[in-house]
Amino acid sequence: MLLELTLYLIIGFFCLLLTKSTSPKEILKNVLFVLFWPYFVLLKYVEFIDKAKQGSRKK
């Protein structure tokens, strides 16, 4: 488990280096995304479900 987590972080931070972010705010946002991507994915999923429910209620 620790090896998988380490590889995930190494790959994520390596990809951040390849994108060459310029501003400190953008770099911080990308680092937070690498560390907490499951929460961002869950948040997007919940937003998608809410939009689908609202769309079905309007019909």
C-alpha atoms as a PDB file:
ATOM      1  CA  MET A   1       0.000   0.000   0.000  1.00  0.00           C
ATOM      2  CA  LEU A   2       2.796   2.404   0.873  1.00  0.00           C
ATOM      3  CA  LEU A   3       4.566   1.579  -2.381  1.00  0.00           C
ATOM      4  CA  GLU A   4       1.411   2.290  -4.386  1.00  0.00           C
ATOM      5  CA  LEU A   5       0.884   5.596  -2.600  1.00  0.00           C
ATOM      6  CA  THR A   6       4.502   6.598  -3.164  1.00  0.00           C
ATOM      7  CA  LEU A   7       4.318   5.750  -6.858  1.00  0.00           C
ATOM      8  CA  TYR A   8       1.060   7.677  -7.194  1.00  0.00           C
ATOM      9  CA  LEU A   9       2.589  10.781  -5.597  1.00  0.00           C
ATOM     10  CA  ILE A  10       5.774  10.536  -7.656  1.00  0.00           C
ATOM     11  CA  ILE A  11       3.799  10.238 -10.893  1.00  0.00           C
ATOM     12  CA  GLY A  12       1.482  13.085  -9.896  1.00  0.00           C
ATOM     13  CA  PHE A  13       4.265  15.474  -8.964  1.00  0.00           C
ATOM     14  CA  PHE A  14       6.258  14.518 -12.067  1.00  0.00           C
ATOM     15  CA  CYS A  15       3.250  15.444 -14.210  1.00  0.00           C
ATOM     16  CA  LEU A  16       3.080  18.771 -12.363  1.00  0.00           C
ATOM     17  CA  LEU A  17       6.680  19.441 -13.356  1.00  0.00           C
ATOM     18  CA  LEU A  18       5.844  18.695 -16.988  1.00  0.00           C
ATOM     19  CA  THR A  19       2.940  21.173 -17.046  1.00  0.00           C
ATOM     20  CA  LYS A  20       5.277  23.980 -15.940  1.00  0.00           C
ATOM     21  CA  SER A  21       2.821  26.005 -13.883  1.00  0.00           C
ATOM     22  CA  THR A  22       3.814  29.647 -13.661  1.00  0.00           C
ATOM     23  CA  SER A  23       1.981  31.294 -10.784  1.00  0.00           C
ATOM     24  CA  PRO A  24       2.296  30.172  -7.141  1.00  0.00           C
ATOM     25  CA  LYS A  25      -1.495  30.012  -6.859  1.00  0.00           C
ATOM     26  CA  GLU A  26      -1.679  27.638  -9.828  1.00  0.00           C
ATOM     27  CA  ILE A  27       1.122  25.482  -8.402  1.00  0.00           C
ATOM     28  CA  LEU A  28      -0.674  25.248  -5.034  1.00  0.00           C
ATOM     29  CA  LYS A  29      -3.932  24.304  -6.751  1.00  0.00           C
ATOM     30  CA  ASN A  30      -2.175  21.544  -8.716  1.00  0.00           C
ATOM     31  CA  VAL A  31      -0.401  20.186  -5.629  1.00  0.00           C
ATOM     32  CA  LEU A  32      -3.680  20.062  -3.722  1.00  0.00           C
ATOM     33  CA  PHE A  33      -5.278  18.256  -6.644  1.00  0.00           C
ATOM     34  CA  VAL A  34      -2.511  15.625  -6.648  1.00  0.00           C
ATOM     35  CA  LEU A  35      -2.905  15.074  -2.907  1.00  0.00           C
ATOM     36  CA  PHE A  36      -6.706  15.077  -2.729  1.00  0.00           C
ATOM     37  CA  TRP A  37      -7.894  13.879  -6.165  1.00  0.00           C
ATOM     38  CA  PRO A  38     -10.444  11.375  -4.766  1.00  0.00           C
ATOM     39  CA  TYR A  39     -12.308  14.197  -3.027  1.00  0.00           C
ATOM     40  CA  PHE A  40     -12.362  16.306  -6.196  1.00  0.00           C
ATOM     41  CA  VAL A  41     -13.704  13.358  -8.189  1.00  0.00           C
ATOM     42  CA  LEU A  42     -16.369  12.699  -5.562  1.00  0.00           C
ATOM     43  CA  LEU A  43     -17.376  16.372  -5.552  1.00  0.00           C
ATOM     44  CA  LYS A  44     -17.725  16.402  -9.350  1.00  0.00           C
ATOM     45  CA  TYR A  45     -19.789  13.193  -9.169  1.00  0.00           C
ATOM     46  CA  VAL A  46     -22.158  14.706  -6.604  1.00  0.00           C
ATOM     47  CA  GLU A  47     -22.541  17.866  -8.717  1.00  0.00           C
ATOM     48  CA  PHE A  48     -23.301  15.730 -11.783  1.00  0.00           C
ATOM     49  CA  ILE A  49     -25.952  13.730  -9.893  1.00  0.00           C
ATOM     50  CA  ASP A  50     -27.548  16.927  -8.563  1.00  0.00           C
ATOM     51  CA  LYS A  51     -27.768  18.394 -12.076  1.00  0.00           C
ATOM     52  CA  ALA A  52     -29.314  15.173 -13.354  1.00  0.00           C
ATOM     53  CA  LYS A  53     -31.913  15.198 -10.570  1.00  0.00           C
ATOM     54  CA  GLN A  54     -32.780  18.847 -11.231  1.00  0.00           C
ATOM     55  CA  GLY A  55     -33.076  18.141 -14.946  1.00  0.00           C
ATOM     56  CA  SER A  56     -35.463  15.271 -14.361  1.00  0.00           C
ATOM     57  CA  ARG A  57     -37.622  17.360 -11.984  1.00  0.00           C
ATOM     58  CA  LYS A  58     -38.100  20.091 -14.614  1.00  0.00           C
ATOM     59  CA  LYS A  59     -39.618  17.616 -17.091  1.00  0.00           C
END
